[in-house]
Amino acid sequence: MDQNMSMILMMVLLFAMMYFMMIRPENKRKKKLQEMRDSLKKGDTVTTIGGIVGKIVRVTDDTIVFETSEDRVRVEVAKWAISTTGVQTDEVPAEKKSKKAKKDAVPEEPVAPAEKADEQ
């Protein structure tokens, strides 16, 4: 009987850990993303999941129309295709770049001293 209770307790603890480590953070992330998508308005700059950047022209319940350039090219996408507001870049701040550069730098091989010519 005691062994069965400990097994049940372990299963409950495992599920609780899995919930707090995996399920809950994912639900929070989805909720935050949905709030961002619901708050989009005309004039916002957005980036799609495909990397297209543009300025919102029209917002409907399910879709967004945005202009991608000065040529007034308009693209209509579903709201779920918007990943972020603003422009997303791959650039790493200079401070992080210098640390990474130092870490990734290949150490130079020591130069062997020149051999002395025989003086005979």
Protein backbone atom coordinates (compact mmCIF):
# COMPACT_ATOMS: atom_id res chain seq x y z
CA MET A 1 0.00 0.00 0.00
CA ASP A 2 2.82 2.39 0.94
CA GLN A 3 4.62 1.69 -2.33
CA ASN A 4 1.49 2.48 -4.35
CA MET A 5 1.05 5.82 -2.56
CA SER A 6 4.65 6.80 -3.22
CA MET A 7 4.24 5.88 -6.90
CA ILE A 8 1.08 8.03 -7.17
CA LEU A 9 2.82 10.90 -5.38
CA MET A 10 5.77 10.69 -7.78
CA MET A 11 3.41 10.78 -10.78
CA VAL A 12 1.60 13.85 -9.38
CA LEU A 13 4.92 15.62 -8.72
CA LEU A 14 6.15 14.77 -12.22
CA PHE A 15 2.99 16.18 -13.79
CA ALA A 16 3.19 19.32 -11.63
CA MET A 17 6.83 19.88 -12.64
CA MET A 18 5.97 19.35 -16.29
CA TYR A 19 3.10 21.82 -16.03
CA PHE A 20 5.20 24.58 -14.44
CA MET A 21 8.26 23.99 -16.65
CA MET A 22 6.60 23.48 -20.05
CA ILE A 23 2.85 24.03 -20.31
CA ARG A 24 2.37 27.21 -18.28
CA PRO A 25 5.18 29.24 -19.92
CA GLU A 26 3.90 28.24 -23.38
CA ASN A 27 0.37 29.36 -22.49
CA LYS A 28 1.71 32.69 -21.16
CA ARG A 29 3.69 33.22 -24.37
CA LYS A 30 0.64 32.45 -26.54
CA LYS A 31 -1.55 34.82 -24.50
CA LYS A 32 1.00 37.65 -24.77
CA LEU A 33 1.31 37.11 -28.54
CA GLN A 34 -2.47 37.12 -28.98
CA GLU A 35 -2.78 40.36 -26.97
CA MET A 36 -0.11 41.93 -29.21
CA ARG A 37 -1.97 40.86 -32.35
CA ASP A 38 -5.29 42.14 -31.00
CA SER A 39 -3.77 45.54 -30.17
CA LEU A 40 -2.41 46.20 -33.69
CA LYS A 41 -3.62 49.43 -35.26
CA LYS A 42 -3.14 51.49 -38.39
CA GLY A 43 0.35 53.00 -38.62
CA ASP A 44 2.16 50.30 -36.59
CA THR A 45 5.30 48.79 -38.09
CA VAL A 46 5.18 44.98 -38.04
CA THR A 47 7.34 42.01 -39.00
CA THR A 48 5.72 38.82 -40.32
CA ILE A 49 6.86 35.31 -39.51
CA GLY A 50 8.41 35.26 -42.99
CA GLY A 51 10.49 38.37 -42.28
CA ILE A 52 8.49 40.89 -44.32
CA VAL A 53 8.48 44.33 -42.69
CA GLY A 54 5.79 46.91 -43.32
CA LYS A 55 3.48 49.61 -42.01
CA ILE A 56 -0.16 48.69 -41.30
CA VAL A 57 -2.74 50.32 -43.57
CA ARG A 58 -5.91 48.43 -42.62
CA VAL A 59 -6.89 46.00 -39.84
CA THR A 60 -9.87 43.62 -39.94
CA ASP A 61 -10.89 40.84 -37.55
CA ASP A 62 -8.77 38.17 -39.24
CA THR A 63 -6.42 39.97 -41.63
CA ILE A 64 -4.02 42.89 -41.83
CA VAL A 65 -3.04 44.91 -44.90
CA PHE A 66 0.33 46.61 -44.79
CA GLU A 67 2.63 48.51 -47.14
CA THR A 68 6.12 47.13 -47.56
CA SER A 69 7.93 49.99 -49.29
CA GLU A 70 7.83 53.49 -50.67
CA ASP A 71 6.30 52.03 -53.85
CA ARG A 72 3.13 51.44 -51.82
CA VAL A 73 3.17 47.68 -52.37
CA ARG A 74 0.33 46.34 -50.22
CA VAL A 75 0.29 42.84 -48.75
CA GLU A 76 -2.65 41.20 -46.99
CA VAL A 77 -1.79 38.57 -44.38
CA ALA A 78 -3.63 36.72 -41.65
CA LYS A 79 -3.19 38.15 -38.15
CA TRP A 80 -1.53 34.96 -36.95
CA ALA A 81 1.31 35.62 -39.45
CA ILE A 82 2.49 38.71 -37.52
CA SER A 83 5.41 37.85 -35.27
CA THR A 84 6.43 41.19 -33.77
CA THR A 85 5.74 44.88 -33.85
CA GLY A 86 8.63 46.99 -35.00
CA VAL A 87 11.58 45.86 -37.08
CA GLN A 88 13.34 42.66 -36.11
CA THR A 89 17.07 42.53 -36.73
CA ASP A 90 19.74 39.87 -36.38
CA GLU A 91 22.32 42.34 -35.22
CA VAL A 92 23.86 41.65 -31.85
CA PRO A 93 24.67 44.68 -29.67
CA ALA A 94 28.34 45.75 -29.82
CA GLU A 95 28.98 44.71 -26.22
CA LYS A 96 27.88 41.14 -26.90
CA LYS A 97 29.78 41.09 -30.20
CA SER A 98 33.09 41.91 -28.52
CA LYS A 99 32.62 39.18 -25.91
CA LYS A 100 31.72 36.66 -28.60
CA ALA A 101 34.65 37.75 -30.76
CA LYS A 102 37.04 37.19 -27.87
CA LYS A 103 35.48 33.81 -27.15
CA ASP A 104 35.54 32.66 -30.77
CA ALA A 105 38.99 34.06 -31.57
CA VAL A 106 41.50 31.48 -32.67
CA PRO A 107 44.60 31.69 -30.52
CA GLU A 108 47.75 32.38 -32.44
CA GLU A 109 50.38 29.70 -32.52
CA PRO A 110 53.57 30.64 -30.73
CA VAL A 111 56.38 31.54 -33.08
CA ALA A 112 59.41 29.36 -32.64
CA PRO A 113 62.61 31.34 -32.10
CA ALA A 114 64.82 31.45 -35.15
CA GLU A 115 67.45 28.76 -35.13
CA LYS A 116 70.94 30.05 -34.63
CA ALA A 117 73.25 29.43 -37.50
CA ASP A 118 76.24 27.33 -36.67
CA GLU A 119 79.23 29.60 -36.22
CA GLN A 120 82.00 27.27 -37.19
